[in-house]
């Protein structure tokens, strides 16, 4: 099973839920828990195993590290590290 579409779906749902929580002035963690409970009862959603998440986490880490290495080679520094002169 391909994990990326499911991860993107969950990320999108989390963003929408967090946005909605801010709009109605409810703590975000409460809305995320309720949204997760609601998603758990939706029939037909694929089952994602922990191994898939761990593999996706390793892939994301590798991509992130490559982006940082490329940025450093090109001379970009984080905004917090730059000195205003």
C-alpha atoms as a PDB file:
ATOM      1  CA  UNK A   1       0.000   0.000   0.000  1.00  0.00           C
ATOM      2  CA  UNK A   2       1.251   3.462  -0.853  1.00  0.00           C
ATOM      3  CA  UNK A   3       1.462   5.575   2.295  1.00  0.00           C
ATOM      4  CA  UNK A   4       1.885   9.037   0.797  1.00  0.00           C
ATOM      5  CA  UNK A   5      -1.736   9.664  -0.261  1.00  0.00           C
ATOM      6  CA  UNK A   6      -2.985   8.628   3.167  1.00  0.00           C
ATOM      7  CA  UNK A   7      -0.425  10.840   4.912  1.00  0.00           C
ATOM      8  CA  UNK A   8      -1.368  13.795   2.724  1.00  0.00           C
ATOM      9  CA  UNK A   9      -5.044  13.174   3.421  1.00  0.00           C
ATOM     10  CA  UNK A  10      -4.434  13.069   7.183  1.00  0.00           C
ATOM     11  CA  UNK A  11      -2.300  16.205   7.031  1.00  0.00           C
ATOM     12  CA  UNK A  12      -4.996  18.019   5.067  1.00  0.00           C
ATOM     13  CA  UNK A  13      -7.680  16.943   7.525  1.00  0.00           C
ATOM     14  CA  UNK A  14      -5.523  18.104  10.454  1.00  0.00           C
ATOM     15  CA  UNK A  15      -4.956  21.509   8.841  1.00  0.00           C
ATOM     16  CA  UNK A  16      -8.666  21.977   8.144  1.00  0.00           C
ATOM     17  CA  UNK A  17      -9.578  20.902  11.678  1.00  0.00           C
ATOM     18  CA  UNK A  18      -7.012  23.267  13.222  1.00  0.00           C
ATOM     19  CA  UNK A  19      -8.261  26.126  11.055  1.00  0.00           C
ATOM     20  CA  UNK A  20     -11.851  25.370  12.045  1.00  0.00           C
ATOM     21  CA  UNK A  21     -10.914  25.208  15.722  1.00  0.00           C
ATOM     22  CA  UNK A  22      -9.382  28.664  15.547  1.00  0.00           C
ATOM     23  CA  UNK A  23     -12.472  30.023  13.793  1.00  0.00           C
ATOM     24  CA  UNK A  24     -14.846  28.743  16.478  1.00  0.00           C
ATOM     25  CA  UNK A  25     -12.462  29.478  19.394  1.00  0.00           C
ATOM     26  CA  UNK A  26     -12.111  25.888  20.615  1.00  0.00           C
ATOM     27  CA  UNK A  27      -8.731  24.455  21.700  1.00  0.00           C
ATOM     28  CA  UNK A  28      -7.063  22.789  18.715  1.00  0.00           C
ATOM     29  CA  UNK A  29      -6.119  19.523  20.509  1.00  0.00           C
ATOM     30  CA  UNK A  30      -9.761  18.886  21.422  1.00  0.00           C
ATOM     31  CA  UNK A  31     -10.875  19.324  17.810  1.00  0.00           C
ATOM     32  CA  UNK A  32      -8.029  17.122  16.537  1.00  0.00           C
ATOM     33  CA  UNK A  33      -8.977  14.323  18.946  1.00  0.00           C
ATOM     34  CA  UNK A  34     -12.644  14.533  17.983  1.00  0.00           C
ATOM     35  CA  UNK A  35     -11.700  14.597  14.298  1.00  0.00           C
ATOM     36  CA  UNK A  36      -9.483  11.548  14.762  1.00  0.00           C
ATOM     37  CA  UNK A  37     -12.292   9.700  16.480  1.00  0.00           C
ATOM     38  CA  UNK A  38     -14.639  10.601  13.628  1.00  0.00           C
ATOM     39  CA  UNK A  39     -12.105   9.388  11.040  1.00  0.00           C
ATOM     40  CA  UNK A  40     -11.742   6.109  12.906  1.00  0.00           C
ATOM     41  CA  UNK A  41     -15.378   5.285  12.195  1.00  0.00           C
ATOM     42  CA  UNK A  42     -15.356   6.130   8.464  1.00  0.00           C
ATOM     43  CA  UNK A  43     -15.793   2.876   6.548  1.00  0.00           C
ATOM     44  CA  UNK A  44     -13.461   2.146   3.644  1.00  0.00           C
ATOM     45  CA  UNK A  45     -10.453   4.148   4.805  1.00  0.00           C
ATOM     46  CA  UNK A  46      -7.214   2.208   4.335  1.00  0.00           C
ATOM     47  CA  UNK A  47      -5.477   0.750   7.345  1.00  0.00           C
ATOM     48  CA  UNK A  48      -2.010   2.219   7.739  1.00  0.00           C
ATOM     49  CA  UNK A  49       0.448   0.145   9.713  1.00  0.00           C
ATOM     50  CA  UNK A  50       3.092   1.563  12.013  1.00  0.00           C
ATOM     51  CA  UNK A  51       5.863   0.227   9.766  1.00  0.00           C
ATOM     52  CA  UNK A  52       4.525   2.325   6.900  1.00  0.00           C
ATOM     53  CA  UNK A  53       4.626   5.440   9.058  1.00  0.00           C
ATOM     54  CA  UNK A  54       8.165   4.680  10.190  1.00  0.00           C
ATOM     55  CA  UNK A  55       9.277   4.208   6.596  1.00  0.00           C
ATOM     56  CA  UNK A  56       7.590   7.468   5.588  1.00  0.00           C
ATOM     57  CA  UNK A  57       9.232   9.221   8.530  1.00  0.00           C
ATOM     58  CA  UNK A  58      12.664   8.016   7.391  1.00  0.00           C
ATOM     59  CA  UNK A  59      11.950   9.219   3.852  1.00  0.00           C
ATOM     60  CA  UNK A  60      10.807  12.627   5.115  1.00  0.00           C
ATOM     61  CA  UNK A  61      13.912  12.913   7.300  1.00  0.00           C
ATOM     62  CA  UNK A  62      16.168  12.089   4.353  1.00  0.00           C
ATOM     63  CA  UNK A  63      14.443  14.656   2.137  1.00  0.00           C
ATOM     64  CA  UNK A  64      14.659  17.287   4.887  1.00  0.00           C
ATOM     65  CA  UNK A  65      18.357  16.643   5.454  1.00  0.00           C
ATOM     66  CA  UNK A  66      19.089  16.852   1.725  1.00  0.00           C
ATOM     67  CA  UNK A  67      17.271  20.187   1.494  1.00  0.00           C
ATOM     68  CA  UNK A  68      19.252  21.554   4.439  1.00  0.00           C
ATOM     69  CA  UNK A  69      22.541  20.347   2.950  1.00  0.00           C
ATOM     70  CA  UNK A  70      21.689  21.929  -0.414  1.00  0.00           C
ATOM     71  CA  UNK A  71      20.726  25.216   1.237  1.00  0.00           C
ATOM     72  CA  UNK A  72      24.008  25.314   3.147  1.00  0.00           C
ATOM     73  CA  UNK A  73      25.990  24.596  -0.029  1.00  0.00           C
ATOM     74  CA  UNK A  74      24.216  27.454  -1.782  1.00  0.00           C
ATOM     75  CA  UNK A  75      25.013  29.802   1.088  1.00  0.00           C
ATOM     76  CA  UNK A  76      21.548  30.203   2.580  1.00  0.00           C
ATOM     77  CA  UNK A  77      21.425  30.620   6.336  1.00  0.00           C
ATOM     78  CA  UNK A  78      18.370  30.396   8.579  1.00  0.00           C
ATOM     79  CA  UNK A  79      16.802  33.764   9.343  1.00  0.00           C
ATOM     80  CA  UNK A  80      17.619  33.358  13.034  1.00  0.00           C
ATOM     81  CA  UNK A  81      21.326  32.984  12.209  1.00  0.00           C
ATOM     82  CA  UNK A  82      21.564  36.094  10.057  1.00  0.00           C
ATOM     83  CA  UNK A  83      22.917  39.245  11.662  1.00  0.00           C
ATOM     84  CA  UNK A  84      21.319  42.580  10.866  1.00  0.00           C
ATOM     85  CA  UNK A  85      23.977  45.110   9.992  1.00  0.00           C
END
